[in-house]
């Protein structure tokens, strides 16, 4: 199946099927990186910016329990 055929078929798939494909693509990307593949120039630039932000302010984030508590907190309507 060609790339064009795959792209053509994607809209015909259900949500669960697309999620499975998305997860599989992520797994393949991870494998490529672990085998010595390199991030793209855009990905490297993003990583460099994020690293610089972290170096300037290493404590701006929230812990996972704090994030989870906010997500589970009921919202007001």
PDB file of N, CA and C in Angstrom:
ATOM      1  N   UNK A   1       0.857  -1.171   0.000  1.00  0.00           N
ATOM      2  CA  UNK A   1       0.000   0.000   0.000  1.00  0.00           C
ATOM      3  C   UNK A   1       0.901   1.232   0.000  1.00  0.00           C
ATOM      4  N   UNK A   2       0.603   2.169  -0.853  1.00  0.00           N
ATOM      5  CA  UNK A   2       1.419   3.374  -0.953  1.00  0.00           C
ATOM      6  C   UNK A   2       1.043   4.388   0.126  1.00  0.00           C
ATOM      7  N   UNK A   3       1.911   5.357   0.335  1.00  0.00           N
ATOM      8  CA  UNK A   3       1.628   6.419   1.296  1.00  0.00           C
ATOM      9  C   UNK A   3       0.355   7.157   0.912  1.00  0.00           C
ATOM     10  N   UNK A   4       0.177   7.431  -0.372  1.00  0.00           N
ATOM     11  CA  UNK A   4      -1.027   8.123  -0.835  1.00  0.00           C
ATOM     12  C   UNK A   4      -2.280   7.321  -0.507  1.00  0.00           C
ATOM     13  N   UNK A   5      -2.211   6.007  -0.675  1.00  0.00           N
ATOM     14  CA  UNK A   5      -3.364   5.153  -0.365  1.00  0.00           C
ATOM     15  C   UNK A   5      -3.661   5.149   1.135  1.00  0.00           C
ATOM     16  N   UNK A   6      -2.605   5.099   1.925  1.00  0.00           N
ATOM     17  CA  UNK A   6      -2.795   5.124   3.375  1.00  0.00           C
ATOM     18  C   UNK A   6      -3.447   6.433   3.798  1.00  0.00           C
ATOM     19  N   UNK A   7      -2.925   7.549   3.304  1.00  0.00           N
ATOM     20  CA  UNK A   7      -3.487   8.853   3.655  1.00  0.00           C
ATOM     21  C   UNK A   7      -4.932   8.986   3.192  1.00  0.00           C
ATOM     22  N   UNK A   8      -5.238   8.405   2.059  1.00  0.00           N
ATOM     23  CA  UNK A   8      -6.609   8.437   1.534  1.00  0.00           C
ATOM     24  C   UNK A   8      -7.567   7.642   2.421  1.00  0.00           C
ATOM     25  N   UNK A   9      -7.086   6.532   2.973  1.00  0.00           N
ATOM     26  CA  UNK A   9      -7.929   5.649   3.779  1.00  0.00           C
ATOM     27  C   UNK A   9      -8.118   6.130   5.220  1.00  0.00           C
ATOM     28  N   UNK A  10      -7.204   6.920   5.743  1.00  0.00           N
ATOM     29  CA  UNK A  10      -7.288   7.341   7.139  1.00  0.00           C
ATOM     30  C   UNK A  10      -8.644   7.931   7.528  1.00  0.00           C
ATOM     31  N   UNK A  11      -9.224   8.826   6.736  1.00  0.00           N
ATOM     32  CA  UNK A  11     -10.517   9.399   7.138  1.00  0.00           C
ATOM     33  C   UNK A  11     -11.656   8.384   7.208  1.00  0.00           C
ATOM     34  N   UNK A  12     -11.487   7.241   6.580  1.00  0.00           N
ATOM     35  CA  UNK A  12     -12.561   6.239   6.593  1.00  0.00           C
ATOM     36  C   UNK A  12     -12.501   5.359   7.842  1.00  0.00           C
ATOM     37  N   UNK A  13     -11.425   5.460   8.603  1.00  0.00           N
ATOM     38  CA  UNK A  13     -11.257   4.630   9.786  1.00  0.00           C
ATOM     39  C   UNK A  13     -11.974   5.223  10.985  1.00  0.00           C
ATOM     40  N   UNK A  14     -12.339   4.363  11.903  1.00  0.00           N
ATOM     41  CA  UNK A  14     -12.956   4.808  13.143  1.00  0.00           C
ATOM     42  C   UNK A  14     -11.931   5.368  14.101  1.00  0.00           C
ATOM     43  N   UNK A  15     -12.423   6.000  15.145  1.00  0.00           N
ATOM     44  CA  UNK A  15     -11.560   6.637  16.129  1.00  0.00           C
ATOM     45  C   UNK A  15     -10.576   5.647  16.743  1.00  0.00           C
ATOM     46  N   UNK A  16     -11.057   4.481  17.156  1.00  0.00           N
ATOM     47  CA  UNK A  16     -10.180   3.498  17.781  1.00  0.00           C
ATOM     48  C   UNK A  16      -9.104   3.018  16.812  1.00  0.00           C
ATOM     49  N   UNK A  17      -9.469   2.818  15.563  1.00  0.00           N
ATOM     50  CA  UNK A  17      -8.479   2.381  14.571  1.00  0.00           C
ATOM     51  C   UNK A  17      -7.412   3.438  14.362  1.00  0.00           C
ATOM     52  N   UNK A  18      -7.823   4.706  14.288  1.00  0.00           N
ATOM     53  CA  UNK A  18      -6.846   5.791  14.121  1.00  0.00           C
ATOM     54  C   UNK A  18      -5.936   5.896  15.336  1.00  0.00           C
ATOM     55  N   UNK A  19      -6.493   5.687  16.532  1.00  0.00           N
ATOM     56  CA  UNK A  19      -5.669   5.729  17.742  1.00  0.00           C
ATOM     57  C   UNK A  19      -4.632   4.619  17.722  1.00  0.00           C
ATOM     58  N   UNK A  20      -5.029   3.434  17.282  1.00  0.00           N
ATOM     59  CA  UNK A  20      -4.089   2.320  17.190  1.00  0.00           C
ATOM     60  C   UNK A  20      -2.955   2.649  16.228  1.00  0.00           C
ATOM     61  N   UNK A  21      -3.297   3.246  15.118  1.00  0.00           N
ATOM     62  CA  UNK A  21      -2.283   3.635  14.127  1.00  0.00           C
ATOM     63  C   UNK A  21      -1.359   4.698  14.720  1.00  0.00           C
ATOM     64  N   UNK A  22      -1.941   5.677  15.392  1.00  0.00           N
ATOM     65  CA  UNK A  22      -1.160   6.746  16.018  1.00  0.00           C
ATOM     66  C   UNK A  22      -0.179   6.165  17.026  1.00  0.00           C
ATOM     67  N   UNK A  23      -0.658   5.239  17.870  1.00  0.00           N
ATOM     68  CA  UNK A  23       0.212   4.613  18.866  1.00  0.00           C
ATOM     69  C   UNK A  23       1.328   3.812  18.196  1.00  0.00           C
ATOM     70  N   UNK A  24       0.998   3.110  17.140  1.00  0.00           N
ATOM     71  CA  UNK A  24       2.015   2.308  16.443  1.00  0.00           C
ATOM     72  C   UNK A  24       3.077   3.205  15.817  1.00  0.00           C
ATOM     73  N   UNK A  25       2.664   4.316  15.246  1.00  0.00           N
ATOM     74  CA  UNK A  25       3.623   5.258  14.667  1.00  0.00           C
ATOM     75  C   UNK A  25       4.544   5.793  15.768  1.00  0.00           C
ATOM     76  N   UNK A  26       3.983   6.098  16.933  1.00  0.00           N
ATOM     77  CA  UNK A  26       4.797   6.551  18.056  1.00  0.00           C
ATOM     78  C   UNK A  26       5.813   5.508  18.479  1.00  0.00           C
ATOM     79  N   UNK A  27       5.387   4.253  18.518  1.00  0.00           N
ATOM     80  CA  UNK A  27       6.309   3.165  18.863  1.00  0.00           C
ATOM     81  C   UNK A  27       7.450   3.079  17.850  1.00  0.00           C
ATOM     82  N   UNK A  28       7.134   3.215  16.582  1.00  0.00           N
ATOM     83  CA  UNK A  28       8.166   3.146  15.546  1.00  0.00           C
ATOM     84  C   UNK A  28       9.134   4.312  15.662  1.00  0.00           C
ATOM     85  N   UNK A  29       8.599   5.502  15.959  1.00  0.00           N
ATOM     86  CA  UNK A  29       9.461   6.672  16.151  1.00  0.00           C
ATOM     87  C   UNK A  29      10.411   6.447  17.333  1.00  0.00           C
ATOM     88  N   UNK A  30       9.871   5.919  18.430  1.00  0.00           N
ATOM     89  CA  UNK A  30      10.708   5.625  19.597  1.00  0.00           C
ATOM     90  C   UNK A  30      11.815   4.641  19.244  1.00  0.00           C
ATOM     91  N   UNK A  31      11.467   3.593  18.519  1.00  0.00           N
ATOM     92  CA  UNK A  31      12.459   2.591  18.130  1.00  0.00           C
ATOM     93  C   UNK A  31      13.554   3.214  17.278  1.00  0.00           C
ATOM     94  N   UNK A  32      13.160   4.072  16.342  1.00  0.00           N
ATOM     95  CA  UNK A  32      14.147   4.728  15.484  1.00  0.00           C
ATOM     96  C   UNK A  32      15.110   5.585  16.309  1.00  0.00           C
ATOM     97  N   UNK A  33      14.564   6.336  17.270  1.00  0.00           N
ATOM     98  CA  UNK A  33      15.420   7.174  18.107  1.00  0.00           C
ATOM     99  C   UNK A  33      16.357   6.331  18.953  1.00  0.00           C
ATOM    100  N   UNK A  34      15.865   5.210  19.482  1.00  0.00           N
ATOM    101  CA  UNK A  34      16.703   4.336  20.295  1.00  0.00           C
ATOM    102  C   UNK A  34      17.797   3.660  19.473  1.00  0.00           C
ATOM    103  N   UNK A  35      17.558   3.501  18.185  1.00  0.00           N
ATOM    104  CA  UNK A  35      18.548   2.879  17.301  1.00  0.00           C
ATOM    105  C   UNK A  35      19.547   3.904  16.769  1.00  0.00           C
ATOM    106  N   UNK A  36      19.502   5.102  17.304  1.00  0.00           N
ATOM    107  CA  UNK A  36      20.472   6.109  16.881  1.00  0.00           C
ATOM    108  C   UNK A  36      19.914   7.148  15.934  1.00  0.00           C
ATOM    109  N   UNK A  37      18.626   7.091  15.679  1.00  0.00           N
ATOM    110  CA  UNK A  37      18.009   8.117  14.846  1.00  0.00           C
ATOM    111  C   UNK A  37      18.086   9.457  15.557  1.00  0.00           C
ATOM    112  N   UNK A  38      18.003  10.509  14.817  1.00  0.00           N
ATOM    113  CA  UNK A  38      18.131  11.842  15.389  1.00  0.00           C
ATOM    114  C   UNK A  38      16.840  12.617  15.228  1.00  0.00           C
ATOM    115  N   UNK A  39      16.565  13.507  16.176  1.00  0.00           N
ATOM    116  CA  UNK A  39      15.407  14.376  15.998  1.00  0.00           C
ATOM    117  C   UNK A  39      15.636  15.316  14.813  1.00  0.00           C
ATOM    118  N   UNK A  40      14.544  15.817  14.277  1.00  0.00           N
ATOM    119  CA  UNK A  40      14.652  16.762  13.163  1.00  0.00           C
ATOM    120  C   UNK A  40      15.238  18.078  13.658  1.00  0.00           C
ATOM    121  N   UNK A  41      15.594  18.950  12.742  1.00  0.00           N
ATOM    122  CA  UNK A  41      16.130  20.261  13.115  1.00  0.00           C
ATOM    123  C   UNK A  41      15.106  21.036  13.946  1.00  0.00           C
ATOM    124  N   UNK A  42      13.836  20.954  13.578  1.00  0.00           N
ATOM    125  CA  UNK A  42      12.786  21.647  14.324  1.00  0.00           C
ATOM    126  C   UNK A  42      12.649  21.058  15.728  1.00  0.00           C
ATOM    127  N   UNK A  43      12.735  19.733  15.842  1.00  0.00           N
ATOM    128  CA  UNK A  43      12.650  19.090  17.151  1.00  0.00           C
ATOM    129  C   UNK A  43      13.850  19.470  18.016  1.00  0.00           C
ATOM    130  N   UNK A  44      15.045  19.517  17.402  1.00  0.00           N
ATOM    131  CA  UNK A  44      16.240  19.917  18.150  1.00  0.00           C
ATOM    132  C   UNK A  44      16.104  21.348  18.658  1.00  0.00           C
ATOM    133  N   UNK A  45      15.586  22.234  17.821  1.00  0.00           N
ATOM    134  CA  UNK A  45      15.402  23.632  18.221  1.00  0.00           C
ATOM    135  C   UNK A  45      14.417  23.726  19.382  1.00  0.00           C
ATOM    136  N   UNK A  46      13.334  22.967  19.320  1.00  0.00           N
ATOM    137  CA  UNK A  46      12.359  22.960  20.405  1.00  0.00           C
ATOM    138  C   UNK A  46      12.987  22.435  21.693  1.00  0.00           C
ATOM    139  N   UNK A  47      13.724  21.340  21.600  1.00  0.00           N
ATOM    140  CA  UNK A  47      14.392  20.792  22.777  1.00  0.00           C
ATOM    141  C   UNK A  47      15.386  21.778  23.365  1.00  0.00           C
ATOM    142  N   UNK A  48      16.133  22.468  22.511  1.00  0.00           N
ATOM    143  CA  UNK A  48      17.093  23.462  22.989  1.00  0.00           C
ATOM    144  C   UNK A  48      16.383  24.606  23.717  1.00  0.00           C
ATOM    145  N   UNK A  49      15.257  25.081  23.162  1.00  0.00           N
ATOM    146  CA  UNK A  49      14.495  26.155  23.816  1.00  0.00           C
ATOM    147  C   UNK A  49      13.965  25.694  25.168  1.00  0.00           C
ATOM    148  N   UNK A  50      13.429  24.490  25.206  1.00  0.00           N
ATOM    149  CA  UNK A  50      12.872  23.965  26.462  1.00  0.00           C
ATOM    150  C   UNK A  50      13.983  23.779  27.508  1.00  0.00           C
ATOM    151  N   UNK A  51      15.134  23.305  27.088  1.00  0.00           N
ATOM    152  CA  UNK A  51      16.255  23.131  28.011  1.00  0.00           C
ATOM    153  C   UNK A  51      16.710  24.483  28.558  1.00  0.00           C
ATOM    154  N   UNK A  52      16.786  25.469  27.699  1.00  0.00           N
ATOM    155  CA  UNK A  52      17.183  26.810  28.138  1.00  0.00           C
ATOM    156  C   UNK A  52      16.164  27.378  29.127  1.00  0.00           C
ATOM    157  N   UNK A  53      14.877  27.203  28.844  1.00  0.00           N
ATOM    158  CA  UNK A  53      13.837  27.648  29.779  1.00  0.00           C
ATOM    159  C   UNK A  53      13.984  26.950  31.121  1.00  0.00           C
ATOM    160  N   UNK A  54      14.263  25.659  31.088  1.00  0.00           N
ATOM    161  CA  UNK A  54      14.434  24.898  32.324  1.00  0.00           C
ATOM    162  C   UNK A  54      15.647  25.402  33.104  1.00  0.00           C
ATOM    163  N   UNK A  55      16.719  25.667  32.412  1.00  0.00           N
ATOM    164  CA  UNK A  55      17.931  26.149  33.100  1.00  0.00           C
ATOM    165  C   UNK A  55      17.692  27.500  33.770  1.00  0.00           C
ATOM    166  N   UNK A  56      16.865  28.338  33.127  1.00  0.00           N
ATOM    167  CA  UNK A  56      16.555  29.647  33.698  1.00  0.00           C
ATOM    168  C   UNK A  56      15.634  29.528  34.906  1.00  0.00           C
ATOM    169  N   UNK A  57      14.723  28.566  34.872  1.00  0.00           N
ATOM    170  CA  UNK A  57      13.747  28.428  35.939  1.00  0.00           C
ATOM    171  C   UNK A  57      13.392  26.951  36.104  1.00  0.00           C
ATOM    172  N   UNK A  58      14.187  26.219  36.878  1.00  0.00           N
ATOM    173  CA  UNK A  58      13.984  24.774  36.974  1.00  0.00           C
ATOM    174  C   UNK A  58      12.777  24.339  37.802  1.00  0.00           C
ATOM    175  N   UNK A  59      12.135  25.252  38.516  1.00  0.00           N
ATOM    176  CA  UNK A  59      11.032  24.858  39.388  1.00  0.00           C
ATOM    177  C   UNK A  59       9.675  25.464  39.024  1.00  0.00           C
ATOM    178  N   UNK A  60       9.350  25.679  37.758  1.00  0.00           N
ATOM    179  CA  UNK A  60       8.085  26.335  37.452  1.00  0.00           C
ATOM    180  C   UNK A  60       6.888  25.382  37.398  1.00  0.00           C
ATOM    181  N   UNK A  61       7.133  24.105  37.326  1.00  0.00           N
ATOM    182  CA  UNK A  61       6.057  23.154  37.073  1.00  0.00           C
ATOM    183  C   UNK A  61       5.369  22.658  38.327  1.00  0.00           C
ATOM    184  N   UNK A  62       4.464  21.725  38.101  1.00  0.00           N
ATOM    185  CA  UNK A  62       3.709  21.091  39.165  1.00  0.00           C
ATOM    186  C   UNK A  62       4.086  19.622  39.226  1.00  0.00           C
ATOM    187  N   UNK A  63       3.940  19.049  40.407  1.00  0.00           N
ATOM    188  CA  UNK A  63       4.154  17.618  40.536  1.00  0.00           C
ATOM    189  C   UNK A  63       2.964  16.889  39.921  1.00  0.00           C
ATOM    190  N   UNK A  64       3.161  15.607  39.619  1.00  0.00           N
ATOM    191  CA  UNK A  64       2.049  14.843  39.062  1.00  0.00           C
ATOM    192  C   UNK A  64       0.853  14.811  40.016  1.00  0.00           C
ATOM    193  N   UNK A  65       1.031  14.608  41.324  1.00  0.00           N
ATOM    194  CA  UNK A  65      -0.136  14.628  42.218  1.00  0.00           C
ATOM    195  C   UNK A  65      -0.901  15.958  42.173  1.00  0.00           C
ATOM    196  N   UNK A  66      -0.185  17.077  42.036  1.00  0.00           N
ATOM    197  CA  UNK A  66      -0.861  18.375  41.930  1.00  0.00           C
ATOM    198  C   UNK A  66      -1.667  18.471  40.648  1.00  0.00           C
ATOM    199  N   UNK A  67      -1.091  18.023  39.555  1.00  0.00           N
ATOM    200  CA  UNK A  67      -1.790  18.047  38.270  1.00  0.00           C
ATOM    201  C   UNK A  67      -3.016  17.141  38.332  1.00  0.00           C
ATOM    202  N   UNK A  68      -2.827  15.943  38.848  1.00  0.00           N
ATOM    203  CA  UNK A  68      -3.935  14.986  38.937  1.00  0.00           C
ATOM    204  C   UNK A  68      -5.069  15.535  39.793  1.00  0.00           C
ATOM    205  N   UNK A  69      -4.735  16.182  40.904  1.00  0.00           N
ATOM    206  CA  UNK A  69      -5.758  16.752  41.781  1.00  0.00           C
ATOM    207  C   UNK A  69      -6.546  17.838  41.042  1.00  0.00           C
ATOM    208  N   UNK A  70      -5.860  18.671  40.266  1.00  0.00           N
ATOM    209  CA  UNK A  70      -6.564  19.699  39.497  1.00  0.00           C
ATOM    210  C   UNK A  70      -7.483  19.077  38.440  1.00  0.00           C
ATOM    211  N   UNK A  71      -7.007  18.012  37.802  1.00  0.00           N
ATOM    212  CA  UNK A  71      -7.823  17.370  36.778  1.00  0.00           C
ATOM    213  C   UNK A  71      -9.061  16.707  37.370  1.00  0.00           C
ATOM    214  N   UNK A  72      -8.937  16.186  38.565  1.00  0.00           N
ATOM    215  CA  UNK A  72     -10.058  15.481  39.198  1.00  0.00           C
ATOM    216  C   UNK A  72     -11.019  16.417  39.931  1.00  0.00           C
ATOM    217  N   UNK A  73     -10.614  17.656  40.145  1.00  0.00           N
ATOM    218  CA  UNK A  73     -11.445  18.616  40.865  1.00  0.00           C
ATOM    219  C   UNK A  73     -12.659  18.952  40.002  1.00  0.00           C
ATOM    220  N   UNK A  74     -13.853  18.847  40.603  1.00  0.00           N
ATOM    221  CA  UNK A  74     -15.064  19.179  39.819  1.00  0.00           C
ATOM    222  C   UNK A  74     -15.038  20.639  39.375  1.00  0.00           C
ATOM    223  N   UNK A  75     -15.538  20.873  38.184  1.00  0.00           N
ATOM    224  CA  UNK A  75     -15.603  22.240  37.662  1.00  0.00           C
ATOM    225  C   UNK A  75     -16.940  22.846  38.004  1.00  0.00           C
ATOM    226  N   UNK A  76     -16.939  24.143  38.170  1.00  0.00           N
ATOM    227  CA  UNK A  76     -18.198  24.854  38.438  1.00  0.00           C
ATOM    228  C   UNK A  76     -18.848  25.224  37.135  1.00  0.00           C
ATOM    229  N   UNK A  77     -20.145  25.081  37.064  1.00  0.00           N
ATOM    230  CA  UNK A  77     -20.880  25.428  35.840  1.00  0.00           C
ATOM    231  C   UNK A  77     -21.552  26.767  35.969  1.00  0.00           C
TER     232      UNK A  77
END
